Amino acid sequence: MISNQILQNTIEGLKGISRIDFCVLDIEGKVLATTFDSMYNHESAVLSFVESPADSQVIQGCQFFKIFDEHQLEYVLLAGGENEDVYMVGKLAAFQIQGLLVAYKERFDKDNFIKNLLLDNLLLVDIYNRAKKLHIDTEVKRVIFIIETAHEKDSVALDNVRNLLGNKTKDFITAVDEKNIIVVKELSEKDGNKELDKMAKEMEEVLRNECGEEHVHIAYGTIVNDIKEVSKSYKEAKLALDVGKIFFDEKDIVAYSTLGIGRLIYQLPIPLCKMFIKEIFEGKSPDEFDEETLTTINKFFENSLNVSETSRQLYIHRNTLVYRLDKLQKGTGLDLRVFEDAITFKIALMVVKYMKYMETLEY
C-alpha cells in the first residue's frame, strides 16, 4: 500500500503543474491526502459514488474518479478548481496514482520474496519460480550487507535509506526487524573483498553524512553465485555483526572472512568456556592483570611475539620487557615467547571477552 506521505507528495506535485486541487480518499470517505485549503464533508458523496457503477462523476462541484488495484476499488480521487481541464487532468492524476499502486505492489512482492529468501522460508523450487515471475536474475554474484544503527527503523526511515543506497536497480534493501537494514548487493564479475570493503565504507559515509547516524556498524558475508545461497551470505553477515561486537568492537565494518578464531569461540557453550579458564589459570582470570601487564601482552601479540619491536613501541628497555614476560610466566605457567603458550593465552583472553559479553546480554 502506498503511504499517505507518498500520496501527498504526488498530488502536491500535480497541483504545482496543473493549478488544480486534489484529494485522495479511501472507499469509506476518509481523507488520506489533500491539497484543498478547506473541504466540506464528502463522506456521504464518496460512499454513494463507490456504490455507483460509474468510474467518474461530477458531485458537489468536484470531479470524482475511481482508482482500482487489479479490479478492486482502492481510492477515490477528487479534482476541483476553476480550470476547464479539470476532467482531463483528473484522469491523468488517477492514472498516475494507479501506476504508483502497481509499482509499489511489485516492490512489495519483491520485498516479501527477499525477506523469505533471507530467512530460509522458501522451498528450492519456489525460489526459482518466484524469482522468474518477479524478473529477478538467479545466477549473478551477490553479497549481503547488514547495517546496524542506534535508531530503530520505521517504513519512512527505510525508504530514506533505499533512496540513499539504492543506486543500482537490481540491489534490494529491506529489513526483517526494526534495528537492522539488509542490503542484497548485486556484484560484477571483477568485484572481490577489496571492492566489498570499499562499498561498506561508502554506505557508512552516506548514513553518517546524509542520515546523521553517528553509530553505524556494517557487516557482510561471503560472495555467492546463485540466488539459493543468498541466505548463507545473510547468516554469515549476521554472525559477523555479532562476533564483531565482541572481538572487534573498535571496528565499524566487519567481514565474515576476517573473523578468524572468533567465530569458533562464539559458538562455544559458556560452561565449557568457564572450565577452560579454570583449568588453564587455576581459578584465576587473565583479565585480572593490571593495566601495564595487559598492555604489554596485547602489544606483544600485535608484533607477532617480537621482543625487540614490542619493547621499542612500548618505549621500554628490552630487559624490562623480558622481566615482565618472566613475571607473567611465573604467575600463569605460560611463556608467551613460546608459540603454543602464546596461542593458549590469546584464546583465553578471547574466551574471557566472549563470556563477559554474554553476561551483559543476560541483564
Protein backbone atom coordinates (compact mmCIF):
# COMPACT_ATOMS: atom_id res chain seq x y z
CA MET A 1 0.00 0.00 0.00
CA ILE A 2 1.21 3.48 -0.85
CA SER A 3 1.97 5.60 2.21
CA ASN A 4 -0.08 8.75 2.81
CA GLN A 5 3.10 10.81 2.55
CA ILE A 6 3.77 9.49 -0.96
CA LEU A 7 0.19 10.28 -1.96
CA GLN A 8 0.53 13.80 -0.50
CA ASN A 9 3.79 14.43 -2.35
CA THR A 10 2.24 13.16 -5.60
CA ILE A 11 -0.86 15.35 -5.55
CA GLU A 12 1.14 18.40 -4.44
CA GLY A 13 3.40 17.89 -7.44
CA LEU A 14 0.39 17.54 -9.73
CA LYS A 15 -1.15 20.71 -8.30
CA GLY A 16 2.10 22.58 -8.88
CA ILE A 17 1.91 21.67 -12.56
CA SER A 18 -1.84 21.98 -13.21
CA ARG A 19 -3.04 24.55 -10.59
CA ILE A 20 -5.84 22.08 -9.77
CA ASP A 21 -6.56 20.84 -6.24
CA PHE A 22 -6.75 17.14 -5.49
CA CYS A 23 -7.91 14.96 -2.63
CA VAL A 24 -7.35 11.22 -2.20
CA LEU A 25 -9.83 9.34 0.00
CA ASP A 26 -10.29 5.70 0.92
CA ILE A 27 -13.51 3.91 -0.02
CA GLU A 28 -15.05 4.84 3.35
CA GLY A 29 -14.61 8.56 2.70
CA LYS A 30 -11.59 9.12 4.96
CA VAL A 31 -9.16 11.75 3.64
CA LEU A 32 -5.66 10.32 3.06
CA ALA A 33 -4.06 13.29 1.29
CA THR A 34 -5.33 16.67 0.08
CA THR A 35 -4.25 19.98 -1.39
CA PHE A 36 -7.56 21.72 -0.67
CA ASP A 37 -7.31 24.53 1.89
CA SER A 38 -10.67 23.56 3.34
CA MET A 39 -13.18 20.89 2.46
CA TYR A 40 -16.71 20.15 3.49
CA ASN A 41 -17.61 16.60 4.38
CA HIS A 42 -17.56 14.40 1.27
CA GLU A 43 -18.07 11.12 3.13
CA SER A 44 -21.68 10.55 2.05
CA ALA A 45 -20.86 11.59 -1.55
CA VAL A 46 -17.89 9.21 -1.65
CA LEU A 47 -19.96 6.30 -0.29
CA SER A 48 -22.63 6.99 -2.89
CA PHE A 49 -20.03 7.20 -5.67
CA VAL A 50 -18.40 3.96 -4.51
CA GLU A 51 -21.73 2.13 -4.81
CA SER A 52 -22.43 3.55 -8.27
CA PRO A 53 -21.30 1.78 -11.49
CA ALA A 54 -19.65 4.98 -12.80
CA ASP A 55 -15.83 5.30 -12.95
CA SER A 56 -16.02 9.10 -12.87
CA GLN A 57 -18.72 11.55 -11.88
CA VAL A 58 -19.27 15.22 -11.02
CA ILE A 59 -20.58 15.57 -7.48
CA GLN A 60 -20.95 18.77 -5.45
CA GLY A 61 -18.84 20.71 -7.94
CA CYS A 62 -15.90 18.27 -7.87
CA GLN A 63 -14.82 15.64 -10.35
CA PHE A 64 -14.76 12.19 -8.73
CA PHE A 65 -12.60 9.33 -10.09
CA LYS A 66 -12.24 5.69 -9.04
CA ILE A 67 -8.75 4.18 -8.74
CA PHE A 68 -8.53 0.39 -8.92
CA ASP A 69 -5.92 -2.16 -7.92
CA GLU A 70 -6.46 -5.27 -10.05
CA HIS A 71 -10.19 -4.57 -10.46
CA GLN A 72 -10.59 -3.85 -6.74
CA LEU A 73 -11.51 -0.28 -5.82
CA GLU A 74 -8.70 1.19 -3.73
CA TYR A 75 -9.04 5.00 -3.73
CA VAL A 76 -11.39 7.79 -4.72
CA LEU A 77 -9.75 10.89 -6.23
CA LEU A 78 -11.37 14.33 -6.18
CA ALA A 79 -10.26 17.07 -8.55
CA GLY A 80 -11.57 20.61 -8.27
CA GLY A 81 -10.86 24.12 -9.44
CA GLU A 82 -11.75 26.77 -11.97
CA ASN A 83 -9.60 25.22 -14.70
CA GLU A 84 -11.72 23.91 -17.58
CA ASP A 85 -9.36 20.94 -17.97
CA VAL A 86 -10.25 19.51 -14.54
CA TYR A 87 -11.60 16.28 -16.03
CA MET A 88 -8.60 15.60 -18.27
CA VAL A 89 -6.04 16.49 -15.58
CA GLY A 90 -8.03 14.46 -13.04
CA LYS A 91 -7.88 11.43 -15.33
CA LEU A 92 -4.13 11.87 -15.67
CA ALA A 93 -3.78 12.14 -11.87
CA ALA A 94 -5.84 8.98 -11.40
CA PHE A 95 -3.64 7.21 -13.96
CA GLN A 96 -0.51 8.40 -12.11
CA ILE A 97 -1.74 7.05 -8.76
CA GLN A 98 -2.80 3.81 -10.48
CA GLY A 99 0.77 3.47 -11.75
CA LEU A 100 2.12 4.07 -8.24
CA LEU A 101 -0.11 1.27 -6.94
CA VAL A 102 1.30 -1.16 -9.49
CA ALA A 103 4.92 -0.11 -8.79
CA TYR A 104 4.53 -0.32 -5.01
CA LYS A 105 2.78 -3.67 -5.24
CA GLU A 106 5.61 -5.05 -7.37
CA ARG A 107 8.15 -3.70 -4.89
CA PHE A 108 6.15 -5.19 -2.02
CA ASP A 109 6.11 -8.59 -3.76
CA LYS A 110 9.87 -8.41 -4.35
CA ASP A 111 10.50 -7.24 -0.79
CA ASN A 112 8.40 -10.09 0.58
CA PHE A 113 10.27 -12.59 -1.61
CA ILE A 114 13.69 -11.28 -0.50
CA LYS A 115 12.71 -11.45 3.19
CA ASN A 116 11.55 -15.06 2.89
CA LEU A 117 14.68 -15.88 0.88
CA LEU A 118 16.94 -14.45 3.61
CA LEU A 119 15.09 -16.31 6.37
CA ASP A 120 15.10 -19.65 4.52
CA ASN A 121 11.30 -19.75 4.35
CA LEU A 122 11.11 -20.92 0.73
CA LEU A 123 11.41 -24.33 -0.91
CA LEU A 124 14.08 -24.58 -3.60
CA VAL A 125 11.51 -24.91 -6.40
CA ASP A 126 9.62 -21.86 -5.07
CA ILE A 127 12.78 -19.76 -5.07
CA TYR A 128 13.34 -20.20 -8.79
CA ASN A 129 9.66 -19.98 -9.76
CA ARG A 130 9.04 -16.76 -7.85
CA ALA A 131 12.33 -15.22 -8.97
CA LYS A 132 11.32 -15.86 -12.58
CA LYS A 133 7.88 -14.25 -12.09
CA LEU A 134 9.45 -11.21 -10.41
CA HIS A 135 12.14 -10.92 -13.13
CA ILE A 136 14.99 -11.43 -10.65
CA ASP A 137 18.18 -12.95 -12.07
CA THR A 138 19.06 -16.20 -10.29
CA GLU A 139 22.68 -16.64 -11.43
CA VAL A 140 24.61 -13.50 -10.58
CA LYS A 141 27.16 -12.70 -7.88
CA ARG A 142 25.60 -11.22 -4.74
CA VAL A 143 26.60 -10.45 -1.17
CA ILE A 144 24.66 -9.45 1.95
CA PHE A 145 25.45 -6.32 3.96
CA ILE A 146 23.78 -5.82 7.35
CA ILE A 147 23.69 -2.25 8.66
CA GLU A 148 23.00 -1.60 12.33
CA THR A 149 22.35 1.90 13.66
CA ALA A 150 21.46 3.29 17.06
CA HIS A 151 17.95 4.24 15.92
CA GLU A 152 15.10 1.87 15.17
CA LYS A 153 13.87 1.87 11.59
CA ASP A 154 10.27 2.53 10.58
CA SER A 155 8.96 2.38 6.98
CA VAL A 156 9.77 6.05 6.32
CA ALA A 157 13.36 5.69 7.55
CA LEU A 158 13.77 2.56 5.45
CA ASP A 159 12.52 4.41 2.37
CA ASN A 160 15.10 7.14 3.02
CA VAL A 161 17.88 4.56 3.19
CA ARG A 162 16.58 2.95 -0.01
CA ASN A 163 16.78 6.31 -1.77
CA LEU A 164 20.29 6.94 -0.49
CA LEU A 165 21.79 3.49 -1.06
CA GLY A 166 19.68 2.08 -3.86
CA ASN A 167 21.83 3.38 -6.69
CA LYS A 168 21.52 0.10 -8.57
CA THR A 169 18.07 -1.05 -9.66
CA LYS A 170 18.98 -4.70 -9.13
CA ASP A 171 20.00 -4.21 -5.49
CA PHE A 172 17.44 -4.91 -2.77
CA ILE A 173 17.21 -3.03 0.51
CA THR A 174 14.92 -4.47 3.18
CA ALA A 175 14.58 -5.19 6.90
CA VAL A 176 13.47 -8.20 8.91
CA ASP A 177 13.39 -6.28 12.19
CA GLU A 178 13.34 -2.65 13.41
CA LYS A 179 17.05 -2.46 14.14
CA ASN A 180 18.94 -3.69 11.10
CA ILE A 181 18.86 -2.80 7.41
CA ILE A 182 19.77 -5.53 4.93
CA VAL A 183 21.31 -4.76 1.55
CA VAL A 184 21.31 -7.54 -1.05
CA LYS A 185 24.02 -6.25 -3.35
CA GLU A 186 24.49 -7.45 -6.91
CA LEU A 187 28.14 -7.57 -7.92
CA SER A 188 30.12 -7.60 -11.13
CA GLU A 189 32.46 -10.43 -12.04
CA LYS A 190 35.54 -8.42 -11.03
CA ASP A 191 34.27 -7.47 -7.54
CA GLY A 192 36.18 -9.08 -4.67
CA ASN A 193 36.93 -8.47 -0.97
CA LYS A 194 38.67 -5.16 -1.67
CA GLU A 195 35.61 -3.83 -3.51
CA LEU A 196 33.25 -5.10 -0.79
CA ASP A 197 35.15 -3.18 1.88
CA LYS A 198 35.00 -0.06 -0.28
CA MET A 199 31.21 -0.48 -0.72
CA ALA A 200 30.76 -0.85 3.04
CA LYS A 201 32.77 2.33 3.68
CA GLU A 202 30.67 4.24 1.14
CA MET A 203 27.44 3.06 2.84
CA GLU A 204 28.79 4.10 6.23
CA GLU A 205 29.75 7.53 4.91
CA VAL A 206 26.32 8.08 3.33
CA LEU A 207 24.47 7.10 6.52
CA ARG A 208 26.66 9.33 8.68
CA ASN A 209 26.55 12.38 6.40
CA GLU A 210 23.05 12.15 4.89
CA CYS A 211 21.07 10.48 7.68
CA GLY A 212 23.02 11.87 10.64
CA GLU A 213 23.68 8.38 12.03
CA GLU A 214 26.58 8.63 14.48
CA HIS A 215 26.79 4.95 15.37
CA VAL A 216 26.88 2.74 12.27
CA HIS A 217 28.07 -0.87 12.24
CA ILE A 218 28.23 -2.78 8.98
CA ALA A 219 28.91 -6.49 8.50
CA TYR A 220 28.95 -8.53 5.34
CA GLY A 221 29.09 -12.19 4.36
CA THR A 222 30.88 -14.00 1.55
CA ILE A 223 30.06 -13.69 -2.15
CA VAL A 224 27.54 -16.20 -3.50
CA ASN A 225 26.86 -17.05 -7.14
CA ASP A 226 23.29 -18.37 -7.02
CA ILE A 227 20.12 -16.92 -5.54
CA LYS A 228 19.53 -20.01 -3.40
CA GLU A 229 22.77 -19.21 -1.50
CA VAL A 230 21.74 -15.66 -0.53
CA SER A 231 20.52 -16.88 2.88
CA LYS A 232 24.02 -18.32 3.51
CA SER A 233 25.62 -14.90 2.98
CA TYR A 234 22.95 -13.36 5.25
CA LYS A 235 23.70 -15.81 8.08
CA GLU A 236 27.41 -15.08 7.70
CA ALA A 237 26.82 -11.32 7.82
CA LYS A 238 24.63 -11.72 10.92
CA LEU A 239 27.33 -13.79 12.62
CA ALA A 240 29.96 -11.21 11.64
CA LEU A 241 27.85 -8.44 13.19
CA ASP A 242 27.51 -10.33 16.48
CA VAL A 243 31.11 -11.56 16.68
CA GLY A 244 32.41 -8.14 15.67
CA LYS A 245 30.79 -6.57 18.74
CA ILE A 246 32.83 -8.89 20.96
CA PHE A 247 36.26 -9.18 19.39
CA PHE A 248 36.40 -6.20 17.01
CA ASP A 249 34.48 -3.55 18.94
CA GLU A 250 36.88 -0.86 17.68
CA LYS A 251 35.85 -1.56 14.07
CA ASP A 252 32.72 -0.19 12.38
CA ILE A 253 33.00 -2.58 9.43
CA VAL A 254 33.50 -6.34 9.84
CA ALA A 255 33.72 -9.02 7.15
CA TYR A 256 32.83 -12.64 7.85
CA SER A 257 36.06 -13.72 6.17
CA THR A 258 38.13 -11.84 8.77
CA LEU A 259 36.54 -13.28 11.92
CA GLY A 260 39.19 -15.95 12.35
CA ILE A 261 39.03 -17.94 15.56
CA GLY A 262 36.47 -15.52 16.97
CA ARG A 263 33.62 -17.21 15.11
CA LEU A 264 34.59 -20.58 16.67
CA ILE A 265 34.73 -19.18 20.20
CA TYR A 266 31.35 -17.51 19.69
CA GLN A 267 29.75 -20.93 19.25
CA LEU A 268 31.19 -22.42 22.45
CA PRO A 269 28.84 -23.08 25.39
CA ILE A 270 29.57 -20.88 28.42
CA PRO A 271 30.10 -23.82 30.87
CA LEU A 272 32.85 -25.16 28.59
CA CYS A 273 34.49 -21.70 28.49
CA LYS A 274 34.48 -21.47 32.30
CA MET A 275 36.02 -24.94 32.55
CA PHE A 276 38.76 -23.98 30.09
CA ILE A 277 39.70 -20.82 32.00
CA LYS A 278 39.68 -22.69 35.31
CA GLU A 279 41.94 -25.45 34.00
CA ILE A 280 44.44 -23.13 32.32
CA PHE A 281 44.71 -20.46 35.02
CA GLU A 282 43.73 -22.49 38.10
CA GLY A 283 40.73 -20.39 39.01
CA LYS A 284 42.26 -17.03 38.08
CA SER A 285 41.17 -14.97 35.10
CA PRO A 286 43.59 -13.39 32.58
CA ASP A 287 41.60 -10.15 32.65
CA GLU A 288 42.54 -9.64 36.32
CA PHE A 289 46.03 -8.50 35.40
CA ASP A 290 46.94 -4.85 35.87
CA GLU A 291 46.78 -2.38 33.00
CA GLU A 292 50.52 -2.39 32.41
CA THR A 293 50.63 -6.18 32.06
CA LEU A 294 47.64 -6.28 29.72
CA THR A 295 49.14 -3.53 27.55
CA THR A 296 52.40 -5.45 27.35
CA ILE A 297 50.59 -8.68 26.41
CA ASN A 298 48.47 -7.07 23.70
CA LYS A 299 51.40 -5.20 22.19
CA PHE A 300 53.48 -8.41 22.22
CA PHE A 301 50.73 -10.18 20.26
CA GLU A 302 50.36 -7.24 17.85
CA ASN A 303 54.05 -7.56 16.99
CA SER A 304 53.92 -11.32 16.42
CA LEU A 305 55.89 -12.16 19.60
CA ASN A 306 58.82 -9.98 18.54
CA VAL A 307 60.60 -8.83 21.73
CA SER A 308 62.69 -6.08 20.11
CA GLU A 309 59.82 -4.43 18.23
CA THR A 310 57.48 -4.66 21.23
CA SER A 311 59.98 -3.02 23.59
CA ARG A 312 60.61 -0.29 21.02
CA GLN A 313 56.89 0.51 20.66
CA LEU A 314 56.37 0.45 24.45
CA TYR A 315 59.41 2.77 24.92
CA ILE A 316 60.97 0.36 27.42
CA HIS A 317 64.30 -1.47 27.55
CA ARG A 318 64.38 -4.98 26.11
CA ASN A 319 65.39 -6.36 29.53
CA THR A 320 62.34 -4.68 31.12
CA LEU A 321 60.07 -6.49 28.67
CA VAL A 322 61.84 -9.80 29.33
CA TYR A 323 61.36 -9.22 33.09
CA ARG A 324 57.62 -8.64 32.60
CA LEU A 325 57.31 -11.81 30.48
CA ASP A 326 59.22 -13.83 33.08
CA LYS A 327 56.95 -12.49 35.82
CA LEU A 328 53.88 -13.43 33.76
CA GLN A 329 55.27 -16.93 33.23
CA LYS A 330 55.74 -17.44 36.99
CA GLY A 331 52.16 -16.33 37.65
CA THR A 332 50.42 -18.32 34.91
CA GLY A 333 52.83 -21.07 33.89
CA LEU A 334 52.68 -19.79 30.31
CA ASP A 335 55.67 -18.35 28.49
CA LEU A 336 54.40 -16.00 25.78
CA ARG A 337 57.69 -16.35 23.90
CA VAL A 338 56.73 -19.98 23.21
CA PHE A 339 54.28 -20.23 20.32
CA GLU A 340 51.95 -22.84 21.88
CA ASP A 341 51.73 -20.94 25.18
CA ALA A 342 51.08 -17.70 23.30
CA ILE A 343 48.19 -19.31 21.39
CA THR A 344 46.69 -20.65 24.62
CA PHE A 345 46.92 -17.24 26.27
CA LYS A 346 45.45 -15.43 23.25
CA ILE A 347 42.50 -17.82 23.10
CA ALA A 348 41.96 -17.43 26.85
CA LEU A 349 41.75 -13.65 26.53
CA MET A 350 39.20 -14.00 23.75
CA VAL A 351 37.16 -16.54 25.72
CA VAL A 352 37.01 -14.19 28.71
CA LYS A 353 35.91 -11.35 26.45
CA TYR A 354 33.20 -13.59 25.00
CA MET A 355 31.95 -14.62 28.45
CA LYS A 356 31.78 -11.02 29.63
CA TYR A 357 29.79 -10.02 26.55
CA MET A 358 27.32 -12.88 27.05
CA GLU A 359 26.87 -11.83 30.68
CA THR A 360 25.81 -8.33 29.58
CA LEU A 361 23.11 -9.86 27.35
CA GLU A 362 21.61 -11.72 30.30
CA TYR A 363 20.86 -8.48 32.18
